[in-house]
Amino acid sequence: MATAPRPFTVAHWDKYARHMVLENGNYLIPEPWQLEIVADWFNPRFTELGLIVPEGNAKTSLSALLALY
């Protein structure tokens, strides 16, 4: 039997994020760049995280999901 990933890791967040249903009815599939942001978010070395991404790239969904997590 497989063990669940440890909380507050990228693997755990990725599994959690895949349960999010978007407005169009599809499930969120995090992109590699989003997982890199999450890795930085969970890194205790960083106290602030800046994000500059063009429109239409699910920034709001990513931020909301991080806040709910």
PDB file of N, CA and C in Angstrom:
ATOM      1  N   MET A   1       0.842  -1.180   0.000  1.00  0.00           N
ATOM      2  CA  MET A   1       0.000   0.000   0.000  1.00  0.00           C
ATOM      3  C   MET A   1       0.888   1.245   0.000  1.00  0.00           C
ATOM      4  N   ALA A   2       0.575   2.196  -0.855  1.00  0.00           N
ATOM      5  CA  ALA A   2       1.362   3.427  -0.959  1.00  0.00           C
ATOM      6  C   ALA A   2       1.068   4.348   0.218  1.00  0.00           C
ATOM      7  N   THR A   3       2.097   5.033   0.657  1.00  0.00           N
ATOM      8  CA  THR A   3       1.912   5.980   1.749  1.00  0.00           C
ATOM      9  C   THR A   3       1.583   7.352   1.175  1.00  0.00           C
ATOM     10  N   ALA A   4       0.841   8.115   1.943  1.00  0.00           N
ATOM     11  CA  ALA A   4       0.472   9.465   1.522  1.00  0.00           C
ATOM     12  C   ALA A   4       1.675  10.395   1.664  1.00  0.00           C
ATOM     13  N   PRO A   5       1.793  11.406   0.788  1.00  0.00           N
ATOM     14  CA  PRO A   5       2.905  12.345   0.918  1.00  0.00           C
ATOM     15  C   PRO A   5       2.791  13.167   2.204  1.00  0.00           C
ATOM     16  N   ARG A   6       3.935  13.589   2.726  1.00  0.00           N
ATOM     17  CA  ARG A   6       3.950  14.413   3.939  1.00  0.00           C
ATOM     18  C   ARG A   6       3.278  15.753   3.669  1.00  0.00           C
ATOM     19  N   PRO A   7       2.511  16.277   4.632  1.00  0.00           N
ATOM     20  CA  PRO A   7       1.907  17.604   4.460  1.00  0.00           C
ATOM     21  C   PRO A   7       2.968  18.688   4.278  1.00  0.00           C
ATOM     22  N   PHE A   8       2.577  19.761   3.630  1.00  0.00           N
ATOM     23  CA  PHE A   8       3.420  20.919   3.357  1.00  0.00           C
ATOM     24  C   PHE A   8       4.646  20.558   2.525  1.00  0.00           C
ATOM     25  N   THR A   9       4.420  19.652   1.570  1.00  0.00           N
ATOM     26  CA  THR A   9       5.401  19.332   0.546  1.00  0.00           C
ATOM     27  C   THR A   9       4.740  19.558  -0.811  1.00  0.00           C
ATOM     28  N   VAL A  10       5.543  19.676  -1.829  1.00  0.00           N
ATOM     29  CA  VAL A  10       4.992  19.894  -3.171  1.00  0.00           C
ATOM     30  C   VAL A  10       4.135  18.705  -3.597  1.00  0.00           C
ATOM     31  N   ALA A  11       4.578  17.506  -3.292  1.00  0.00           N
ATOM     32  CA  ALA A  11       3.815  16.308  -3.677  1.00  0.00           C
ATOM     33  C   ALA A  11       2.431  16.305  -3.014  1.00  0.00           C
ATOM     34  N   HIS A  12       2.363  16.676  -1.742  1.00  0.00           N
ATOM     35  CA  HIS A  12       1.085  16.709  -1.032  1.00  0.00           C
ATOM     36  C   HIS A  12       0.181  17.806  -1.595  1.00  0.00           C
ATOM     37  N   TRP A  13       0.762  18.991  -1.833  1.00  0.00           N
ATOM     38  CA  TRP A  13      -0.019  20.090  -2.383  1.00  0.00           C
ATOM     39  C   TRP A  13      -0.538  19.749  -3.773  1.00  0.00           C
ATOM     40  N   ASP A  14       0.294  19.104  -4.598  1.00  0.00           N
ATOM     41  CA  ASP A  14      -0.111  18.700  -5.941  1.00  0.00           C
ATOM     42  C   ASP A  14      -1.317  17.761  -5.878  1.00  0.00           C
ATOM     43  N   LYS A  15      -1.260  16.808  -4.977  1.00  0.00           N
ATOM     44  CA  LYS A  15      -2.387  15.875  -4.812  1.00  0.00           C
ATOM     45  C   LYS A  15      -3.645  16.612  -4.346  1.00  0.00           C
ATOM     46  N   TYR A  16      -3.465  17.546  -3.411  1.00  0.00           N
ATOM     47  CA  TYR A  16      -4.572  18.367  -2.905  1.00  0.00           C
ATOM     48  C   TYR A  16      -5.164  19.223  -4.027  1.00  0.00           C
ATOM     49  N   ALA A  17      -4.294  19.863  -4.811  1.00  0.00           N
ATOM     50  CA  ALA A  17      -4.746  20.780  -5.862  1.00  0.00           C
ATOM     51  C   ALA A  17      -5.569  20.071  -6.928  1.00  0.00           C
ATOM     52  N   ARG A  18      -5.274  18.834  -7.185  1.00  0.00           N
ATOM     53  CA  ARG A  18      -5.985  18.095  -8.238  1.00  0.00           C
ATOM     54  C   ARG A  18      -7.447  17.791  -7.875  1.00  0.00           C
ATOM     55  N   HIS A  19      -7.852  18.140  -6.654  1.00  0.00           N
ATOM     56  CA  HIS A  19      -9.253  17.993  -6.251  1.00  0.00           C
ATOM     57  C   HIS A  19     -10.052  19.273  -6.506  1.00  0.00           C
ATOM     58  N   MET A  20      -9.373  20.352  -6.891  1.00  0.00           N
ATOM     59  CA  MET A  20     -10.045  21.628  -7.128  1.00  0.00           C
ATOM     60  C   MET A  20     -10.765  21.606  -8.470  1.00  0.00           C
ATOM     61  N   VAL A  21     -12.050  21.941  -8.443  1.00  0.00           N
ATOM     62  CA  VAL A  21     -12.850  22.005  -9.667  1.00  0.00           C
ATOM     63  C   VAL A  21     -12.939  23.466 -10.093  1.00  0.00           C
ATOM     64  N   LEU A  22     -12.568  23.740 -11.330  1.00  0.00           N
ATOM     65  CA  LEU A  22     -12.591  25.096 -11.869  1.00  0.00           C
ATOM     66  C   LEU A  22     -13.995  25.471 -12.325  1.00  0.00           C
ATOM     67  N   GLU A  23     -14.198  26.746 -12.672  1.00  0.00           N
ATOM     68  CA  GLU A  23     -15.516  27.220 -13.105  1.00  0.00           C
ATOM     69  C   GLU A  23     -16.050  26.471 -14.316  1.00  0.00           C
ATOM     70  N   ASN A  24     -15.158  26.011 -15.178  1.00  0.00           N
ATOM     71  CA  ASN A  24     -15.599  25.306 -16.388  1.00  0.00           C
ATOM     72  C   ASN A  24     -15.902  23.826 -16.129  1.00  0.00           C
ATOM     73  N   GLY A  25     -15.760  23.391 -14.868  1.00  0.00           N
ATOM     74  CA  GLY A  25     -16.063  22.015 -14.513  1.00  0.00           C
ATOM     75  C   GLY A  25     -14.870  21.071 -14.584  1.00  0.00           C
ATOM     76  N   ASN A  26     -13.748  21.536 -15.102  1.00  0.00           N
ATOM     77  CA  ASN A  26     -12.549  20.707 -15.179  1.00  0.00           C
ATOM     78  C   ASN A  26     -11.780  20.767 -13.865  1.00  0.00           C
ATOM     79  N   TYR A  27     -10.979  19.755 -13.641  1.00  0.00           N
ATOM     80  CA  TYR A  27     -10.117  19.748 -12.460  1.00  0.00           C
ATOM     81  C   TYR A  27      -8.836  20.507 -12.765  1.00  0.00           C
ATOM     82  N   LEU A  28      -8.291  21.157 -11.738  1.00  0.00           N
ATOM     83  CA  LEU A  28      -7.021  21.857 -11.885  1.00  0.00           C
ATOM     84  C   LEU A  28      -5.890  20.844 -11.971  1.00  0.00           C
ATOM     85  N   ILE A  29      -5.083  20.961 -13.003  1.00  0.00           N
ATOM     86  CA  ILE A  29      -3.869  20.159 -13.137  1.00  0.00           C
ATOM     87  C   ILE A  29      -2.712  21.159 -13.048  1.00  0.00           C
ATOM     88  N   PRO A  30      -2.008  21.205 -11.911  1.00  0.00           N
ATOM     89  CA  PRO A  30      -0.936  22.194 -11.771  1.00  0.00           C
ATOM     90  C   PRO A  30       0.153  22.017 -12.830  1.00  0.00           C
ATOM     91  N   GLU A  31       0.594  23.154 -13.372  1.00  0.00           N
ATOM     92  CA  GLU A  31       1.664  23.147 -14.359  1.00  0.00           C
ATOM     93  C   GLU A  31       3.008  23.150 -13.632  1.00  0.00           C
ATOM     94  N   PRO A  32       4.067  22.748 -14.327  1.00  0.00           N
ATOM     95  CA  PRO A  32       5.381  22.713 -13.675  1.00  0.00           C
ATOM     96  C   PRO A  32       5.802  24.037 -13.042  1.00  0.00           C
ATOM     97  N   TRP A  33       5.523  25.176 -13.714  1.00  0.00           N
ATOM     98  CA  TRP A  33       5.916  26.464 -13.142  1.00  0.00           C
ATOM     99  C   TRP A  33       5.155  26.734 -11.848  1.00  0.00           C
ATOM    100  N   GLN A  34       3.907  26.279 -11.763  1.00  0.00           N
ATOM    101  CA  GLN A  34       3.136  26.469 -10.536  1.00  0.00           C
ATOM    102  C   GLN A  34       3.725  25.632  -9.399  1.00  0.00           C
ATOM    103  N   LEU A  35       4.170  24.436  -9.704  1.00  0.00           N
ATOM    104  CA  LEU A  35       4.786  23.589  -8.678  1.00  0.00           C
ATOM    105  C   LEU A  35       6.106  24.179  -8.194  1.00  0.00           C
ATOM    106  N   GLU A  36       6.816  24.885  -9.080  1.00  0.00           N
ATOM    107  CA  GLU A  36       8.038  25.575  -8.650  1.00  0.00           C
ATOM    108  C   GLU A  36       7.708  26.694  -7.663  1.00  0.00           C
ATOM    109  N   ILE A  37       6.620  27.418  -7.922  1.00  0.00           N
ATOM    110  CA  ILE A  37       6.178  28.474  -7.003  1.00  0.00           C
ATOM    111  C   ILE A  37       5.808  27.866  -5.657  1.00  0.00           C
ATOM    112  N   VAL A  38       5.105  26.753  -5.679  1.00  0.00           N
ATOM    113  CA  VAL A  38       4.712  26.077  -4.437  1.00  0.00           C
ATOM    114  C   VAL A  38       5.947  25.609  -3.675  1.00  0.00           C
ATOM    115  N   ALA A  39       6.946  25.110  -4.385  1.00  0.00           N
ATOM    116  CA  ALA A  39       8.185  24.681  -3.725  1.00  0.00           C
ATOM    117  C   ALA A  39       8.835  25.856  -3.017  1.00  0.00           C
ATOM    118  N   ASP A  40       8.846  27.019  -3.653  1.00  0.00           N
ATOM    119  CA  ASP A  40       9.387  28.217  -3.009  1.00  0.00           C
ATOM    120  C   ASP A  40       8.521  28.634  -1.819  1.00  0.00           C
ATOM    121  N   TRP A  41       7.214  28.490  -1.966  1.00  0.00           N
ATOM    122  CA  TRP A  41       6.278  28.854  -0.888  1.00  0.00           C
ATOM    123  C   TRP A  41       6.554  28.035   0.373  1.00  0.00           C
ATOM    124  N   PHE A  42       6.856  26.774   0.216  1.00  0.00           N
ATOM    125  CA  PHE A  42       7.103  25.895   1.366  1.00  0.00           C
ATOM    126  C   PHE A  42       8.551  25.935   1.858  1.00  0.00           C
ATOM    127  N   ASN A  43       9.404  26.673   1.171  1.00  0.00           N
ATOM    128  CA  ASN A  43      10.809  26.761   1.554  1.00  0.00           C
ATOM    129  C   ASN A  43      10.958  27.753   2.708  1.00  0.00           C
ATOM    130  N   PRO A  44      11.406  27.312   3.879  1.00  0.00           N
ATOM    131  CA  PRO A  44      11.491  28.213   5.034  1.00  0.00           C
ATOM    132  C   PRO A  44      12.551  29.306   4.887  1.00  0.00           C
ATOM    133  N   ARG A  45      13.444  29.189   3.909  1.00  0.00           N
ATOM    134  CA  ARG A  45      14.458  30.232   3.700  1.00  0.00           C
ATOM    135  C   ARG A  45      13.847  31.532   3.207  1.00  0.00           C
ATOM    136  N   PHE A  46      12.697  31.448   2.521  1.00  0.00           N
ATOM    137  CA  PHE A  46      12.082  32.636   1.932  1.00  0.00           C
ATOM    138  C   PHE A  46      11.010  33.200   2.856  1.00  0.00           C
ATOM    139  N   THR A  47      11.044  34.526   3.047  1.00  0.00           N
ATOM    140  CA  THR A  47      10.019  35.176   3.870  1.00  0.00           C
ATOM    141  C   THR A  47       9.003  35.918   3.012  1.00  0.00           C
ATOM    142  N   GLU A  48       9.345  36.167   1.748  1.00  0.00           N
ATOM    143  CA  GLU A  48       8.437  36.807   0.809  1.00  0.00           C
ATOM    144  C   GLU A  48       8.540  36.094  -0.526  1.00  0.00           C
ATOM    145  N   LEU A  49       7.455  36.164  -1.284  1.00  0.00           N
ATOM    146  CA  LEU A  49       7.439  35.515  -2.594  1.00  0.00           C
ATOM    147  C   LEU A  49       6.764  36.457  -3.584  1.00  0.00           C
ATOM    148  N   GLY A  50       7.481  36.852  -4.617  1.00  0.00           N
ATOM    149  CA  GLY A  50       6.925  37.698  -5.665  1.00  0.00           C
ATOM    150  C   GLY A  50       6.565  36.857  -6.873  1.00  0.00           C
ATOM    151  N   LEU A  51       5.491  37.248  -7.543  1.00  0.00           N
ATOM    152  CA  LEU A  51       5.020  36.458  -8.683  1.00  0.00           C
ATOM    153  C   LEU A  51       4.604  37.411  -9.794  1.00  0.00           C
ATOM    154  N   ILE A  52       5.291  37.342 -10.917  1.00  0.00           N
ATOM    155  CA  ILE A  52       4.947  38.149 -12.088  1.00  0.00           C
ATOM    156  C   ILE A  52       4.658  37.186 -13.232  1.00  0.00           C
ATOM    157  N   VAL A  53       3.382  37.080 -13.569  1.00  0.00           N
ATOM    158  CA  VAL A  53       2.938  36.132 -14.591  1.00  0.00           C
ATOM    159  C   VAL A  53       1.875  36.837 -15.439  1.00  0.00           C
ATOM    160  N   PRO A  54       1.866  36.648 -16.759  1.00  0.00           N
ATOM    161  CA  PRO A  54       0.866  37.291 -17.623  1.00  0.00           C
ATOM    162  C   PRO A  54      -0.563  36.854 -17.291  1.00  0.00           C
ATOM    163  N   GLU A  55      -1.506  37.631 -17.823  1.00  0.00           N
ATOM    164  CA  GLU A  55      -2.925  37.331 -17.616  1.00  0.00           C
ATOM    165  C   GLU A  55      -3.285  35.945 -18.135  1.00  0.00           C
ATOM    166  N   GLY A  56      -4.300  35.348 -17.512  1.00  0.00           N
ATOM    167  CA  GLY A  56      -4.833  34.083 -17.999  1.00  0.00           C
ATOM    168  C   GLY A  56      -4.009  32.860 -17.671  1.00  0.00           C
ATOM    169  N   ASN A  57      -3.179  32.939 -16.642  1.00  0.00           N
ATOM    170  CA  ASN A  57      -2.333  31.799 -16.294  1.00  0.00           C
ATOM    171  C   ASN A  57      -2.671  31.209 -14.932  1.00  0.00           C
ATOM    172  N   ALA A  58      -3.873  31.420 -14.455  1.00  0.00           N
ATOM    173  CA  ALA A  58      -4.380  30.821 -13.215  1.00  0.00           C
ATOM    174  C   ALA A  58      -3.656  31.316 -11.959  1.00  0.00           C
ATOM    175  N   LYS A  59      -3.212  32.581 -11.976  1.00  0.00           N
ATOM    176  CA  LYS A  59      -2.580  33.148 -10.777  1.00  0.00           C
ATOM    177  C   LYS A  59      -3.560  33.209  -9.618  1.00  0.00           C
ATOM    178  N   THR A  60      -4.783  33.641  -9.895  1.00  0.00           N
ATOM    179  CA  THR A  60      -5.783  33.756  -8.837  1.00  0.00           C
ATOM    180  C   THR A  60      -6.124  32.382  -8.281  1.00  0.00           C
ATOM    181  N   SER A  61      -6.279  31.409  -9.147  1.00  0.00           N
ATOM    182  CA  SER A  61      -6.566  30.045  -8.685  1.00  0.00           C
ATOM    183  C   SER A  61      -5.428  29.504  -7.840  1.00  0.00           C
ATOM    184  N   LEU A  62      -4.198  29.748  -8.270  1.00  0.00           N
ATOM    185  CA  LEU A  62      -3.031  29.295  -7.507  1.00  0.00           C
ATOM    186  C   LEU A  62      -2.986  29.970  -6.145  1.00  0.00           C
ATOM    187  N   SER A  63      -3.189  31.291  -6.109  1.00  0.00           N
ATOM    188  CA  SER A  63      -3.167  32.015  -4.836  1.00  0.00           C
ATOM    189  C   SER A  63      -4.277  31.556  -3.915  1.00  0.00           C
ATOM    190  N   ALA A  64      -5.471  31.378  -4.456  1.00  0.00           N
ATOM    191  CA  ALA A  64      -6.596  30.930  -3.631  1.00  0.00           C
ATOM    192  C   ALA A  64      -6.354  29.535  -3.082  1.00  0.00           C
ATOM    193  N   LEU A  65      -5.819  28.669  -3.899  1.00  0.00           N
ATOM    194  CA  LEU A  65      -5.571  27.299  -3.461  1.00  0.00           C
ATOM    195  C   LEU A  65      -4.477  27.260  -2.387  1.00  0.00           C
ATOM    196  N   LEU A  66      -3.457  28.085  -2.535  1.00  0.00           N
ATOM    197  CA  LEU A  66      -2.434  28.171  -1.488  1.00  0.00           C
ATOM    198  C   LEU A  66      -3.040  28.695  -0.181  1.00  0.00           C
ATOM    199  N   ALA A  67      -3.928  29.674  -0.286  1.00  0.00           N
ATOM    200  CA  ALA A  67      -4.570  30.221   0.913  1.00  0.00           C
ATOM    201  C   ALA A  67      -5.471  29.173   1.580  1.00  0.00           C
ATOM    202  N   LEU A  68      -6.193  28.393   0.796  1.00  0.00           N
ATOM    203  CA  LEU A  68      -7.074  27.367   1.360  1.00  0.00           C
ATOM    204  C   LEU A  68      -6.295  26.195   1.931  1.00  0.00           C
ATOM    205  N   TYR A  69      -5.139  25.915   1.370  1.00  0.00           N
ATOM    206  CA  TYR A  69      -4.328  24.811   1.824  1.00  0.00           C
ATOM    207  C   TYR A  69      -3.836  25.074   3.234  1.00  0.00           C
TER     208      TYR A  69
END
